PDB file of N, CA and C in Angstrom:
ATOM      1  N   MET A   1       0.838  -1.197   0.000  1.00  0.00           N
ATOM      2  CA  MET A   1       0.000   0.000  -0.001  1.00  0.00           C
ATOM      3  C   MET A   1       0.871   1.243  -0.001  1.00  0.00           C
ATOM      4  N   ASN A   2       0.382   2.257  -0.694  1.00  0.00           N
ATOM      5  CA  ASN A   2       1.071   3.548  -0.718  1.00  0.00           C
ATOM      6  C   ASN A   2       0.320   4.532   0.170  1.00  0.00           C
ATOM      7  N   TYR A   3       1.009   5.042   1.155  1.00  0.00           N
ATOM      8  CA  TYR A   3       0.412   5.999   2.073  1.00  0.00           C
ATOM      9  C   TYR A   3       0.776   7.444   1.726  1.00  0.00           C
ATOM     10  N   GLU A   4       1.682   7.619   0.781  1.00  0.00           N
ATOM     11  CA  GLU A   4       2.185   8.964   0.474  1.00  0.00           C
ATOM     12  C   GLU A   4       1.082   9.903  -0.011  1.00  0.00           C
ATOM     13  N   GLY A   5       0.200   9.409  -0.860  1.00  0.00           N
ATOM     14  CA  GLY A   5      -0.879  10.255  -1.382  1.00  0.00           C
ATOM     15  C   GLY A   5      -1.801  10.740  -0.280  1.00  0.00           C
ATOM     16  N   ILE A   6      -2.145   9.835   0.617  1.00  0.00           N
ATOM     17  CA  ILE A   6      -3.015  10.201   1.740  1.00  0.00           C
ATOM     18  C   ILE A   6      -2.311  11.202   2.649  1.00  0.00           C
ATOM     19  N   LEU A   7      -1.025  10.961   2.907  1.00  0.00           N
ATOM     20  CA  LEU A   7      -0.274  11.873   3.785  1.00  0.00           C
ATOM     21  C   LEU A   7      -0.144  13.260   3.170  1.00  0.00           C
ATOM     22  N   LEU A   8       0.139  13.318   1.872  1.00  0.00           N
ATOM     23  CA  LEU A   8       0.237  14.632   1.211  1.00  0.00           C
ATOM     24  C   LEU A   8      -1.131  15.306   1.126  1.00  0.00           C
ATOM     25  N   GLY A   9      -2.173  14.532   0.917  1.00  0.00           N
ATOM     26  CA  GLY A   9      -3.526  15.099   0.935  1.00  0.00           C
ATOM     27  C   GLY A   9      -3.861  15.684   2.294  1.00  0.00           C
ATOM     28  N   ALA A  10      -3.486  14.961   3.352  1.00  0.00           N
ATOM     29  CA  ALA A  10      -3.702  15.469   4.713  1.00  0.00           C
ATOM     30  C   ALA A  10      -2.860  16.718   4.954  1.00  0.00           C
ATOM     31  N   GLY A  11      -1.639  16.721   4.427  1.00  0.00           N
ATOM     32  CA  GLY A  11      -0.786  17.907   4.559  1.00  0.00           C
ATOM     33  C   GLY A  11      -1.384  19.121   3.865  1.00  0.00           C
ATOM     34  N   ALA A  12      -1.947  18.900   2.673  1.00  0.00           N
ATOM     35  CA  ALA A  12      -2.606  19.999   1.956  1.00  0.00           C
ATOM     36  C   ALA A  12      -3.808  20.512   2.749  1.00  0.00           C
ATOM     37  N   PHE A  13      -4.573  19.584   3.285  1.00  0.00           N
ATOM     38  CA  PHE A  13      -5.739  19.953   4.093  1.00  0.00           C
ATOM     39  C   PHE A  13      -5.313  20.770   5.319  1.00  0.00           C
ATOM     40  N   LEU A  14      -4.232  20.349   5.973  1.00  0.00           N
ATOM     41  CA  LEU A  14      -3.740  21.073   7.149  1.00  0.00           C
ATOM     42  C   LEU A  14      -3.205  22.456   6.783  1.00  0.00           C
ATOM     43  N   CYS A  15      -2.544  22.576   5.629  1.00  0.00           N
ATOM     44  CA  CYS A  15      -2.057  23.895   5.188  1.00  0.00           C
ATOM     45  C   CYS A  15      -3.212  24.861   4.973  1.00  0.00           C
ATOM     46  N   ILE A  16      -4.216  24.380   4.280  1.00  0.00           N
ATOM     47  CA  ILE A  16      -5.385  25.232   4.037  1.00  0.00           C
ATOM     48  C   ILE A  16      -6.040  25.599   5.362  1.00  0.00           C
ATOM     49  N   GLY A  17      -6.163  24.632   6.243  1.00  0.00           N
ATOM     50  CA  GLY A  17      -6.742  24.892   7.565  1.00  0.00           C
ATOM     51  C   GLY A  17      -5.907  25.835   8.398  1.00  0.00           C
ATOM     52  N   LEU A  18      -4.604  25.818   8.212  1.00  0.00           N
ATOM     53  CA  LEU A  18      -3.700  26.717   8.931  1.00  0.00           C
ATOM     54  C   LEU A  18      -3.807  28.144   8.411  1.00  0.00           C
ATOM     55  N   PHE A  19      -3.858  28.296   7.095  1.00  0.00           N
ATOM     56  CA  PHE A  19      -3.853  29.638   6.519  1.00  0.00           C
ATOM     57  C   PHE A  19      -5.171  30.372   6.687  1.00  0.00           C
ATOM     58  N   HIS A  20      -6.269  29.658   6.830  1.00  0.00           N
ATOM     59  CA  HIS A  20      -7.554  30.334   7.027  1.00  0.00           C
ATOM     60  C   HIS A  20      -7.537  31.234   8.278  1.00  0.00           C
ATOM     61  N   PRO A  21      -7.206  30.721   9.464  1.00  0.00           N
ATOM     62  CA  PRO A  21      -7.157  31.614  10.628  1.00  0.00           C
ATOM     63  C   PRO A  21      -5.987  32.597  10.576  1.00  0.00           C
ATOM     64  N   MET A  22      -4.897  32.218   9.892  1.00  0.00           N
ATOM     65  CA  MET A  22      -3.772  33.151   9.769  1.00  0.00           C
ATOM     66  C   MET A  22      -4.181  34.405   9.000  1.00  0.00           C
ATOM     67  N   VAL A  23      -4.940  34.226   7.939  1.00  0.00           N
ATOM     68  CA  VAL A  23      -5.423  35.366   7.144  1.00  0.00           C
ATOM     69  C   VAL A  23      -6.332  36.245   7.997  1.00  0.00           C
ATOM     70  N   ILE A  24      -7.227  35.630   8.739  1.00  0.00           N
ATOM     71  CA  ILE A  24      -8.157  36.388   9.579  1.00  0.00           C
ATOM     72  C   ILE A  24      -7.397  37.202  10.615  1.00  0.00           C
ATOM     73  N   LYS A  25      -6.445  36.570  11.293  1.00  0.00           N
ATOM     74  CA  LYS A  25      -5.669  37.270  12.326  1.00  0.00           C
ATOM     75  C   LYS A  25      -4.777  38.343  11.721  1.00  0.00           C
ATOM     76  N   ALA A  26      -4.154  38.052  10.584  1.00  0.00           N
ATOM     77  CA  ALA A  26      -3.282  39.042   9.950  1.00  0.00           C
ATOM     78  C   ALA A  26      -4.070  40.291   9.566  1.00  0.00           C
ATOM     79  N   GLU A  27      -5.256  40.104   8.987  1.00  0.00           N
ATOM     80  CA  GLU A  27      -6.063  41.272   8.617  1.00  0.00           C
ATOM     81  C   GLU A  27      -6.518  42.014   9.862  1.00  0.00           C
ATOM     82  N   TYR A  28      -6.860  41.297  10.906  1.00  0.00           N
ATOM     83  CA  TYR A  28      -7.345  41.926  12.139  1.00  0.00           C
ATOM     84  C   TYR A  28      -6.275  42.825  12.748  1.00  0.00           C
ATOM     85  N   TYR A  29      -5.047  42.313  12.853  1.00  0.00           N
ATOM     86  CA  TYR A  29      -3.994  43.062  13.534  1.00  0.00           C
ATOM     87  C   TYR A  29      -3.240  44.035  12.633  1.00  0.00           C
ATOM     88  N   TRP A  30      -3.012  43.660  11.368  1.00  0.00           N
ATOM     89  CA  TRP A  30      -2.167  44.497  10.514  1.00  0.00           C
ATOM     90  C   TRP A  30      -2.859  44.992   9.254  1.00  0.00           C
ATOM     91  N   GLY A  31      -4.065  44.533   8.989  1.00  0.00           N
ATOM     92  CA  GLY A  31      -4.783  44.975   7.797  1.00  0.00           C
ATOM     93  C   GLY A  31      -4.189  44.377   6.528  1.00  0.00           C
ATOM     94  N   VAL A  32      -4.521  44.980   5.391  1.00  0.00           N
ATOM     95  CA  VAL A  32      -4.081  44.438   4.108  1.00  0.00           C
ATOM     96  C   VAL A  32      -2.580  44.612   3.899  1.00  0.00           C
ATOM     97  N   LYS A  33      -1.956  45.467   4.690  1.00  0.00           N
ATOM     98  CA  LYS A  33      -0.502  45.622   4.534  1.00  0.00           C
ATOM     99  C   LYS A  33       0.253  44.372   4.977  1.00  0.00           C
ATOM    100  N   SER A  34      -0.444  43.389   5.496  1.00  0.00           N
ATOM    101  CA  SER A  34       0.190  42.128   5.877  1.00  0.00           C
ATOM    102  C   SER A  34       0.418  41.214   4.673  1.00  0.00           C
ATOM    103  N   TRP A  35      -0.029  41.617   3.507  1.00  0.00           N
ATOM    104  CA  TRP A  35       0.111  40.766   2.324  1.00  0.00           C
ATOM    105  C   TRP A  35       1.562  40.403   2.052  1.00  0.00           C
ATOM    106  N   TRP A  36       2.467  41.308   2.334  1.00  0.00           N
ATOM    107  CA  TRP A  36       3.881  41.056   2.049  1.00  0.00           C
ATOM    108  C   TRP A  36       4.422  39.895   2.876  1.00  0.00           C
ATOM    109  N   ALA A  37       3.891  39.688   4.091  1.00  0.00           N
ATOM    110  CA  ALA A  37       4.341  38.563   4.919  1.00  0.00           C
ATOM    111  C   ALA A  37       3.973  37.240   4.252  1.00  0.00           C
ATOM    112  N   PHE A  38       2.788  37.170   3.652  1.00  0.00           N
ATOM    113  CA  PHE A  38       2.385  35.965   2.944  1.00  0.00           C
ATOM    114  C   PHE A  38       3.245  35.764   1.689  1.00  0.00           C
ATOM    115  N   LEU A  39       3.604  36.856   1.044  1.00  0.00           N
ATOM    116  CA  LEU A  39       4.481  36.777  -0.132  1.00  0.00           C
ATOM    117  C   LEU A  39       5.843  36.218   0.254  1.00  0.00           C
ATOM    118  N   ILE A  40       6.439  36.770   1.286  1.00  0.00           N
ATOM    119  CA  ILE A  40       7.763  36.305   1.719  1.00  0.00           C
ATOM    120  C   ILE A  40       7.710  34.846   2.150  1.00  0.00           C
ATOM    121  N   LEU A  41       6.699  34.503   2.937  1.00  0.00           N
ATOM    122  CA  LEU A  41       6.547  33.122   3.397  1.00  0.00           C
ATOM    123  C   LEU A  41       6.385  32.169   2.205  1.00  0.00           C
ATOM    124  N   GLY A  42       5.579  32.570   1.245  1.00  0.00           N
ATOM    125  CA  GLY A  42       5.360  31.740   0.062  1.00  0.00           C
ATOM    126  C   GLY A  42       6.609  31.589  -0.780  1.00  0.00           C
ATOM    127  N   LEU A  43       7.333  32.679  -0.978  1.00  0.00           N
ATOM    128  CA  LEU A  43       8.555  32.610  -1.774  1.00  0.00           C
ATOM    129  C   LEU A  43       9.627  31.764  -1.087  1.00  0.00           C
ATOM    130  N   LEU A  44       9.760  31.923   0.224  1.00  0.00           N
ATOM    131  CA  LEU A  44      10.735  31.117   0.962  1.00  0.00           C
ATOM    132  C   LEU A  44      10.409  29.623   0.874  1.00  0.00           C
ATOM    133  N   ALA A  45       9.149  29.291   1.023  1.00  0.00           N
ATOM    134  CA  ALA A  45       8.746  27.877   0.936  1.00  0.00           C
ATOM    135  C   ALA A  45       8.935  27.353  -0.485  1.00  0.00           C
ATOM    136  N   ALA A  46       8.654  28.181  -1.495  1.00  0.00           N
ATOM    137  CA  ALA A  46       8.825  27.745  -2.881  1.00  0.00           C
ATOM    138  C   ALA A  46      10.303  27.493  -3.184  1.00  0.00           C
ATOM    139  N   VAL A  47      11.151  28.400  -2.760  1.00  0.00           N
ATOM    140  CA  VAL A  47      12.591  28.212  -2.972  1.00  0.00           C
ATOM    141  C   VAL A  47      13.066  26.988  -2.191  1.00  0.00           C
ATOM    142  N   GLY A  48      12.583  26.845  -0.976  1.00  0.00           N
ATOM    143  CA  GLY A  48      12.948  25.670  -0.179  1.00  0.00           C
ATOM    144  C   GLY A  48      12.554  24.374  -0.870  1.00  0.00           C
ATOM    145  N   SER A  49      11.403  24.367  -1.508  1.00  0.00           N
ATOM    146  CA  SER A  49      10.946  23.145  -2.172  1.00  0.00           C
ATOM    147  C   SER A  49      11.852  22.766  -3.346  1.00  0.00           C
ATOM    148  N   LEU A  50      12.541  23.742  -3.904  1.00  0.00           N
ATOM    149  CA  LEU A  50      13.451  23.459  -5.019  1.00  0.00           C
ATOM    150  C   LEU A  50      14.743  22.784  -4.565  1.00  0.00           C
ATOM    151  N   PHE A  51      15.112  23.019  -3.320  1.00  0.00           N
ATOM    152  CA  PHE A  51      16.407  22.551  -2.843  1.00  0.00           C
ATOM    153  C   PHE A  51      16.343  21.370  -1.877  1.00  0.00           C
ATOM    154  N   VAL A  52      15.163  20.997  -1.440  1.00  0.00           N
ATOM    155  CA  VAL A  52      15.026  19.851  -0.537  1.00  0.00           C
ATOM    156  C   VAL A  52      15.087  18.582  -1.382  1.00  0.00           C
ATOM    157  N   GLU A  53      15.893  17.639  -0.965  1.00  0.00           N
ATOM    158  CA  GLU A  53      16.079  16.415  -1.747  1.00  0.00           C
ATOM    159  C   GLU A  53      14.931  15.421  -1.592  1.00  0.00           C
ATOM    160  N   ASN A  54      14.310  15.387  -0.438  1.00  0.00           N
ATOM    161  CA  ASN A  54      13.211  14.458  -0.208  1.00  0.00           C
ATOM    162  C   ASN A  54      11.994  14.914  -1.016  1.00  0.00           C
ATOM    163  N   THR A  55      11.522  14.042  -1.878  1.00  0.00           N
ATOM    164  CA  THR A  55      10.414  14.382  -2.785  1.00  0.00           C
ATOM    165  C   THR A  55       9.159  14.799  -2.029  1.00  0.00           C
ATOM    166  N   TYR A  56       8.833  14.093  -0.975  1.00  0.00           N
ATOM    167  CA  TYR A  56       7.587  14.361  -0.264  1.00  0.00           C
ATOM    168  C   TYR A  56       7.659  15.668   0.530  1.00  0.00           C
ATOM    169  N   VAL A  57       8.805  15.942   1.095  1.00  0.00           N
ATOM    170  CA  VAL A  57       8.981  17.221   1.798  1.00  0.00           C
ATOM    171  C   VAL A  57       8.940  18.364   0.788  1.00  0.00           C
ATOM    172  N   SER A  58       9.549  18.149  -0.380  1.00  0.00           N
ATOM    173  CA  SER A  58       9.525  19.155  -1.439  1.00  0.00           C
ATOM    174  C   SER A  58       8.089  19.438  -1.887  1.00  0.00           C
ATOM    175  N   ILE A  59       7.309  18.388  -2.061  1.00  0.00           N
ATOM    176  CA  ILE A  59       5.903  18.560  -2.456  1.00  0.00           C
ATOM    177  C   ILE A  59       5.144  19.305  -1.373  1.00  0.00           C
ATOM    178  N   PHE A  60       5.356  18.921  -0.113  1.00  0.00           N
ATOM    179  CA  PHE A  60       4.664  19.603   0.981  1.00  0.00           C
ATOM    180  C   PHE A  60       5.056  21.079   1.032  1.00  0.00           C
ATOM    181  N   LEU A  61       6.339  21.398   0.832  1.00  0.00           N
ATOM    182  CA  LEU A  61       6.763  22.802   0.816  1.00  0.00           C
ATOM    183  C   LEU A  61       6.105  23.556  -0.343  1.00  0.00           C
ATOM    184  N   GLY A  62       5.939  22.895  -1.470  1.00  0.00           N
ATOM    185  CA  GLY A  62       5.250  23.520  -2.593  1.00  0.00           C
ATOM    186  C   GLY A  62       3.790  23.811  -2.275  1.00  0.00           C
ATOM    187  N   ILE A  63       3.137  22.863  -1.625  1.00  0.00           N
ATOM    188  CA  ILE A  63       1.746  23.071  -1.193  1.00  0.00           C
ATOM    189  C   ILE A  63       1.674  24.229  -0.210  1.00  0.00           C
ATOM    190  N   PHE A  64       2.597  24.242   0.734  1.00  0.00           N
ATOM    191  CA  PHE A  64       2.655  25.319   1.725  1.00  0.00           C
ATOM    192  C   PHE A  64       2.889  26.661   1.033  1.00  0.00           C
ATOM    193  N   ALA A  65       3.811  26.683   0.063  1.00  0.00           N
ATOM    194  CA  ALA A  65       4.138  27.921  -0.654  1.00  0.00           C
ATOM    195  C   ALA A  65       2.913  28.494  -1.354  1.00  0.00           C
ATOM    196  N   PHE A  66       2.197  27.650  -2.076  1.00  0.00           N
ATOM    197  CA  PHE A  66       1.056  28.164  -2.817  1.00  0.00           C
ATOM    198  C   PHE A  66      -0.132  28.475  -1.912  1.00  0.00           C
ATOM    199  N   SER A  67      -0.210  27.831  -0.775  1.00  0.00           N
ATOM    200  CA  SER A  67      -1.228  28.217   0.217  1.00  0.00           C
ATOM    201  C   SER A  67      -0.931  29.612   0.747  1.00  0.00           C
ATOM    202  N   ALA A  68       0.343  29.891   0.997  1.00  0.00           N
ATOM    203  CA  ALA A  68       0.738  31.222   1.467  1.00  0.00           C
ATOM    204  C   ALA A  68       0.476  32.274   0.393  1.00  0.00           C
ATOM    205  N   LEU A  69       0.816  31.960  -0.839  1.00  0.00           N
ATOM    206  CA  LEU A  69       0.581  32.921  -1.926  1.00  0.00           C
ATOM    207  C   LEU A  69      -0.911  33.164  -2.140  1.00  0.00           C
ATOM    208  N   TRP A  70      -1.719  32.141  -1.977  1.00  0.00           N
ATOM    209  CA  TRP A  70      -3.173  32.301  -2.068  1.00  0.00           C
ATOM    210  C   TRP A  70      -3.655  33.225  -0.951  1.00  0.00           C
ATOM    211  N   GLY A  71      -2.997  33.188   0.192  1.00  0.00           N
ATOM    212  CA  GLY A  71      -3.355  34.040   1.324  1.00  0.00           C
ATOM    213  C   GLY A  71      -3.264  35.529   1.013  1.00  0.00           C
ATOM    214  N   ILE A  72      -2.436  35.899   0.045  1.00  0.00           N
ATOM    215  CA  ILE A  72      -2.316  37.315  -0.328  1.00  0.00           C
ATOM    216  C   ILE A  72      -3.671  37.852  -0.773  1.00  0.00           C
ATOM    217  N   GLY A  73      -4.284  37.166  -1.700  1.00  0.00           N
ATOM    218  CA  GLY A  73      -5.603  37.604  -2.170  1.00  0.00           C
ATOM    219  C   GLY A  73      -6.659  37.518  -1.093  1.00  0.00           C
ATOM    220  N   GLU A  74      -6.539  36.499  -0.248  1.00  0.00           N
ATOM    221  CA  GLU A  74      -7.523  36.323   0.815  1.00  0.00           C
ATOM    222  C   GLU A  74      -7.471  37.434   1.860  1.00  0.00           C
ATOM    223  N   VAL A  75      -6.314  38.030   2.079  1.00  0.00           N
ATOM    224  CA  VAL A  75      -6.229  39.154   3.026  1.00  0.00           C
ATOM    225  C   VAL A  75      -7.080  40.316   2.519  1.00  0.00           C
ATOM    226  N   PHE A  76      -7.026  40.586   1.231  1.00  0.00           N
ATOM    227  CA  PHE A  76      -7.828  41.670   0.656  1.00  0.00           C
ATOM    228  C   PHE A  76      -9.318  41.326   0.685  1.00  0.00           C
ATOM    229  N   HIS A  77      -9.643  40.054   0.437  1.00  0.00           N
ATOM    230  CA  HIS A  77     -11.044  39.631   0.543  1.00  0.00           C
ATOM    231  C   HIS A  77     -11.530  39.692   1.990  1.00  0.00           C
ATOM    232  N   GLN A  78     -10.631  39.364   2.921  1.00  0.00           N
ATOM    233  CA  GLN A  78     -11.004  39.404   4.337  1.00  0.00           C
ATOM    234  C   GLN A  78     -11.355  40.825   4.752  1.00  0.00           C
ATOM    235  N   GLU A  79     -10.615  41.820   4.261  1.00  0.00           N
ATOM    236  CA  GLU A  79     -10.946  43.199   4.599  1.00  0.00           C
ATOM    237  C   GLU A  79     -12.362  43.537   4.127  1.00  0.00           C
ATOM    238  N   LYS A  80     -12.729  43.078   2.958  1.00  0.00           N
ATOM    239  CA  LYS A  80     -14.084  43.319   2.456  1.00  0.00           C
ATOM    240  C   LYS A  80     -15.125  42.642   3.334  1.00  0.00           C
ATOM    241  N   ARG A  81     -14.809  41.433   3.809  1.00  0.00           N
ATOM    242  CA  ARG A  81     -15.746  40.738   4.691  1.00  0.00           C
ATOM    243  C   ARG A  81     -15.906  41.487   6.013  1.00  0.00           C
ATOM    244  N   VAL A  82     -14.815  42.049   6.513  1.00  0.00           N
ATOM    245  CA  VAL A  82     -14.873  42.841   7.753  1.00  0.00           C
ATOM    246  C   VAL A  82     -15.708  44.092   7.516  1.00  0.00           C
ATOM    247  N   LEU A  83     -15.504  44.755   6.390  1.00  0.00           N
ATOM    248  CA  LEU A  83     -16.260  45.970   6.083  1.00  0.00           C
ATOM    249  C   LEU A  83     -17.755  45.691   5.992  1.00  0.00           C
ATOM    250  N   LYS A  84     -18.118  44.507   5.529  1.00  0.00           N
ATOM    251  CA  LYS A  84     -19.529  44.130   5.433  1.00  0.00           C
ATOM    252  C   LYS A  84     -20.112  43.688   6.770  1.00  0.00           C
ATOM    253  N   GLY A  85     -19.237  43.541   7.770  1.00  0.00           N
ATOM    254  CA  GLY A  85     -19.708  43.134   9.088  1.00  0.00           C
ATOM    255  C   GLY A  85     -19.756  41.634   9.296  1.00  0.00           C
ATOM    256  N   TRP A  86     -19.172  40.872   8.387  1.00  0.00           N
ATOM    257  CA  TRP A  86     -19.193  39.424   8.497  1.00  0.00           C
ATOM    258  C   TRP A  86     -18.171  38.913   9.510  1.00  0.00           C
ATOM    259  N   PHE A  87     -17.134  39.715   9.770  1.00  0.00           N
ATOM    260  CA  PHE A  87     -16.101  39.379  10.741  1.00  0.00           C
ATOM    261  C   PHE A  87     -15.875  40.603  11.622  1.00  0.00           C
ATOM    262  N   PRO A  88     -15.427  40.412  12.863  1.00  0.00           N
ATOM    263  CA  PRO A  88     -15.202  41.558  13.741  1.00  0.00           C
ATOM    264  C   PRO A  88     -14.023  42.407  13.279  1.00  0.00           C
ATOM    265  N   GLU A  89     -14.175  43.718  13.479  1.00  0.00           N
ATOM    266  CA  GLU A  89     -13.081  44.621  13.145  1.00  0.00           C
ATOM    267  C   GLU A  89     -12.248  44.913  14.381  1.00  0.00           C
ATOM    268  N   ASN A  90     -11.014  45.254  14.154  1.00  0.00           N
ATOM    269  CA  ASN A  90     -10.129  45.638  15.236  1.00  0.00           C
ATOM    270  C   ASN A  90     -10.542  47.034  15.709  1.00  0.00           C
ATOM    271  N   PRO A  91     -10.936  47.200  16.974  1.00  0.00           N
ATOM    272  CA  PRO A  91     -11.381  48.514  17.455  1.00  0.00           C
ATOM    273  C   PRO A  91     -10.303  49.589  17.316  1.00  0.00           C
ATOM    274  N   LYS A  92      -9.057  49.200  17.341  1.00  0.00           N
ATOM    275  CA  LYS A  92      -7.964  50.161  17.194  1.00  0.00           C
ATOM    276  C   LYS A  92      -7.893  50.720  15.783  1.00  0.00           C
ATOM    277  N   ARG A  93      -8.531  50.043  14.834  1.00  0.00           N
ATOM    278  CA  ARG A  93      -8.503  50.485  13.440  1.00  0.00           C
ATOM    279  C   ARG A  93      -9.888  50.919  12.961  1.00  0.00           C
ATOM    280  N   HIS A  94     -10.773  51.278  13.898  1.00  0.00           N
ATOM    281  CA  HIS A  94     -12.149  51.623  13.560  1.00  0.00           C
ATOM    282  C   HIS A  94     -12.221  52.785  12.558  1.00  0.00           C
ATOM    283  N   GLU A  95     -11.415  53.816  12.770  1.00  0.00           N
ATOM    284  CA  GLU A  95     -11.451  54.969  11.866  1.00  0.00           C
ATOM    285  C   GLU A  95     -11.061  54.572  10.444  1.00  0.00           C
ATOM    286  N   TYR A  96     -10.089  53.695  10.330  1.00  0.00           N
ATOM    287  CA  TYR A  96      -9.675  53.199   9.013  1.00  0.00           C
ATOM    288  C   TYR A  96     -10.834  52.501   8.315  1.00  0.00           C
ATOM    289  N   TYR A  97     -11.531  51.619   9.055  1.00  0.00           N
ATOM    290  CA  TYR A  97     -12.657  50.890   8.471  1.00  0.00           C
ATOM    291  C   TYR A  97     -13.788  51.843   8.087  1.00  0.00           C
ATOM    292  N   GLU A  98     -14.045  52.821   8.919  1.00  0.00           N
ATOM    293  CA  GLU A  98     -15.103  53.795   8.593  1.00  0.00           C
ATOM    294  C   GLU A  98     -14.765  54.547   7.312  1.00  0.00           C
ATOM    295  N   GLN A  99     -13.516  54.936   7.169  1.00  0.00           N
ATOM    296  CA  GLN A  99     -13.087  55.636   5.959  1.00  0.00           C
ATOM    297  C   GLN A  99     -13.260  54.737   4.728  1.00  0.00           C
ATOM    298  N   LYS A 100     -12.884  53.477   4.868  1.00  0.00           N
ATOM    299  CA  LYS A 100     -13.017  52.536   3.758  1.00  0.00           C
ATOM    300  C   LYS A 100     -14.499  52.305   3.406  1.00  0.00           C
ATOM    301  N   ARG A 101     -15.356  52.289   4.436  1.00  0.00           N
ATOM    302  CA  ARG A 101     -16.794  52.114   4.161  1.00  0.00           C
ATOM    303  C   ARG A 101     -17.339  53.316   3.386  1.00  0.00           C
ATOM    304  N   LYS A 102     -16.914  54.510   3.751  1.00  0.00           N
ATOM    305  CA  LYS A 102     -17.365  55.707   3.046  1.00  0.00           C
ATOM    306  C   LYS A 102     -16.890  55.677   1.598  1.00  0.00           C
ATOM    307  N   GLU A 103     -15.628  55.298   1.391  1.00  0.00           N
ATOM    308  CA  GLU A 103     -15.057  55.262   0.044  1.00  0.00           C
ATOM    309  C   GLU A 103     -15.758  54.222  -0.835  1.00  0.00           C
ATOM    310  N   SER A 104     -16.115  53.090  -0.256  1.00  0.00           N
ATOM    311  CA  SER A 104     -16.692  52.008  -1.056  1.00  0.00           C
ATOM    312  C   SER A 104     -18.211  52.006  -1.053  1.00  0.00           C
ATOM    313  N   GLY A 105     -18.830  52.817  -0.232  1.00  0.00           N
ATOM    314  CA  GLY A 105     -20.284  52.872  -0.185  1.00  0.00           C
ATOM    315  C   GLY A 105     -20.909  51.756   0.638  1.00  0.00           C
ATOM    316  N   ILE A 106     -20.106  51.049   1.417  1.00  0.00           N
ATOM    317  CA  ILE A 106     -20.633  49.979   2.281  1.00  0.00           C
ATOM    318  C   ILE A 106     -21.123  50.612   3.585  1.00  0.00           C
ATOM    319  N   LYS A 107     -22.330  50.212   4.008  1.00  0.00           N
ATOM    320  CA  LYS A 107     -22.882  50.788   5.229  1.00  0.00           C
ATOM    321  C   LYS A 107     -22.673  49.881   6.393  1.00  0.00           C
TER     322      LYS A 107
END
């Protein structure tokens, strides 16, 4: 039996599950300017996947890299969800959110 496919599938599932709350927390504390952290994390993991000799670790790093890169777009989508009231806003950034609501016409 080959367990590698199941293990990599579980790894992909865990990466996606990890990045979902990371995006929410990053937007909450740092806003959309946190996108660069996801870029750096994704690029580092992608480069790492090129140099790791173990095939399965390389594949997992690639999955991790693209999950991080996907997080860039999700940070911007998360801000829109916060503006719509679907997620809580950081009270320290209330004025920023109010300004964004006025600019975008969201009430």
